[in-house]
Amino acid sequence: MRFNIGKSIFVFLLVIMVSCKKQEKIEIVETPIVQNSIEYASGLSIQKYEGYSVVKVSNPWPDTDKKFTYILKEKTAQVPDSLQQYANITVPLTSVVVTSTTNIPFLEMLEVENKLVGFPHTDYVSSEKTRVLIDNGKVKNVGQNEKLDIEQLIDLRPDLIVTFGVDNNNPMLENLQKSGLSVLIQGDWMEQSPLGKAEWIKLFGALFAKEDKAKEIFDKIVTGYNQAMKLVEMSDANATVLYGSMYQDKWFVARGSSWVAQFMKDAKSNYLWADLEGSGSLGLSFEKVLDKAKEAQFWIATGSFKSLAELAASNTHYSQFTAFTTQNVYTFESKLGAKGGTMYYELGPSRPDLILKDYIKIFHPEVLPSYEFTFAQKLN
């Protein structure tokens, strides 16, 4: 009886010890080497651990609570069991397909454009550097964003497809994953902060194990942006500004918290719809725009117009605006690549420092007397 009691006590203590050890193992939390390397982007976070990084995309498209988590791991790294539920991506990538032209400059800045093997509708790409790869057949045309050529993607078998969604209905994304292709959803286009958009270069830095280079590039962009703002910090924001143009029967003006409105604010101008709440744009009638902005000193027109005559030909009523009659109309969309792609939409998001300088040159030319526009063009 004593032996049985002693044995029971021994077994009981052993169970307690094992349980404690298991509990102790569960409570161990690995400390990241870098808590979060993202400073400006609101929809991205990157935590770096020993041998792997945890990437979170929290705002992939409008009006969604969907979030994505990805584990970027080195080939021999050990990833905790608690993270195995998320998509594991081995880095550095040796091949990639991207589906947004805004990603092309990131690849080129990091000097990994030769890892690009596919892109949808390659005519949209304006960069001369990447166009050479396309023309030499090293980058394949993989269809269009809403209808990617899955069979070709399977043949290419890229390490990763970096793409985006526009709403909660994404059958193409589901089809890609069902085909066994590795997919990462990014949301740079959702950022409204100019520096927030550009900071997505750090995602590509993590994908290609070039985090330090990505940080160095981005820090220079931040410095350039802040230096540009200092040029006009003592200037008055008196210049009244009209933005947009007619599309079908609506004139879309940028809301006050939008990417475009932020540039005009930082360039010290008086954008007439700066108090319009929200991001994105609002469609208005021509009459409402004319009533508010008829006497605006500057007009930032949307569209790839080359001259005032071409602008007037698209709508004869444009001549009623003072900015038109005084020839103070500018566009950022007239400079096109070899196949018709718009350089501003491709390179602009990654170089907000250059966009801001263009706006400052428009509204306060005296502080940048020798600066030449990168994207903007005055319509003559």
Foldseek 3Di string as FASTA:
>chain_A
DVVVVVVVVVVVVVVVVVVVVVVVVVPDDFDFPACFPDDAAPQWTWTHHVFKIKIKGQDQAPPDRDIAIEIEGEPPDDDDPVCPVHHYAYDQWQAEEEEFLQCQVLCVLLVNLLRYQEYAPVLQHFDPVNVVCVVVNRYYHQHHQLDGNLVVCVVVQGSEYEYGDHDPDRVVVVVNVVVVHHYDYHHLVPGFALLNSQLCSCVNCSNHVNNVSSVVLSVVLVVLQVVLLVLCVVPAQEQEEAEEDDDPFWTKDFAQSGNVNVLSVSLRHHYQRNVGDDGDIDTDGPVVSCVRQQAGQAYAYEDQDQALVSVCVVPVCVCSHPNSVVQRYKYLFNDAHPSGHGPCSNHVSNRVSLVSNQSNCSVPVVSVVPDDHPRMDGHD
